Amino acid sequence: MAKEHGAMRSVLNLVGSVMLPQDTSNCSDRHDTPSAPEFLSHLQPFQTVLLSIASVSTIIVLVLSLIHWFYVYKYVSIEKRRNKLYWLIAVFPVACTCSYIAMCVPRTAVILTCIGVLYYLMCLFVIVSLARHLFGGRESFSTCLQYDDRPIDFRSPPFCCIIPRLPTARSTEKNIRRLEWCVLQAPIVRSIIIFLDVVAVAEMREEATPYIRYSDMASLCSLLLAIFGVHTLARVTSNKLSAYCFMSMFRLVDISLLFFSAQQPMIFQNVLLRFNLISCGPLLNAQENAYFVCNFIITCEMLLLSLLATWLLAPRHNAMFDAYRSSIALSETTASLNDTEQSIIIDN
């Protein structure tokens, strides 16, 4: 029994070291993270350049989000659909703003990442809710899938996709609801964990680190379950909702979540910091410098994804914007009538 317990603990420590590695800072002298005024008044040249580029990127993303909001407000006539799209419109500006503020205020980097991931998790459930809405409800959703003989295929990311043979399930309301709960649990679990982490840090200070690491592992498992649920549902609906560019919308949110949540632990922490490829600065230690560079990259990535979304989800080929197509049809009809009147006048 003791051997099994020790083996399980070793596995957990191994997973924790890979997915949530500890600080491997190569700084000789430890110091507190600087405040925003202190940091911004002693910027290094490369930090000034990165902050300037990030400022421009953030402004462009915010402007594009206002344009997206205007088109949704004007050309989506169904209020329930409009409200869901408002959540998704804010994905890129929220991620970009969180990353930009974390660059300017280094002490907020961790908490802003938690807030950004929490917003992403809520948006994953909004995507599932939007798919159900486009089908006309869960009952219509289930009926349509069963009519087309489309079972629920569990070979979905992050891990089940590598298993060659998995049993499928019937697309019943009950099974669809279970997948929805796989997605819904993530923001609930993340909110509880953030609350418990704040309490632990306030009460235990430095001694809270082991508990925070285990809570981070729990939130990671919750996130992976949510990704599995939303990918499974999205793959089932891909053909039926192609007119609404649903898969393009889902892929954009999915890729941006990957950029926002996975780059820091997997690339910067596990590779760049582990092999001392990022060094300390006058004010920031190696890990804080890694957060700074990672947040800069995220702002640039959100800009590229926002531009891509503007092109891929444009109203001219997206049935989500029902009022836009009606206005185009009306303008074409009006133009045709004007041409007819002009020809009649010329003939007379």
Foldseek 3Di string as FASTA:
>chain_A
DVVVVVVVVVVVVVVLCQQPNDFLFPDPDDDDFDFLVVDVVDDDPVLVVLLVVLVVLLVLLVVLLVVVLVLLVPQQPDVVLSVLVNLLSCLLNLLSVLLSVCLSGVVCLVVSLLVSLLSLLVNLLSLLVNLQVVLPHLQSVLVVLVVVPQWQDQLFDDPSVPPDDDDTHRSDSVVLVVLSVLSVVLSVLSVVLVVVLVVLCVVPPPVCVVVNSVSVVVSVVSVRSNRSSSRRVCVSCVVVQVQQVSVVSVVLSVVLSCLSNPCLSNPCVNPCSVVVVAQQDPNGIRSSVSSNVSSSVSSVVSSVSSVVCCVSRPPVRHCSRVRVVVVVVVVVVVVVVVVVVVVVVVVD
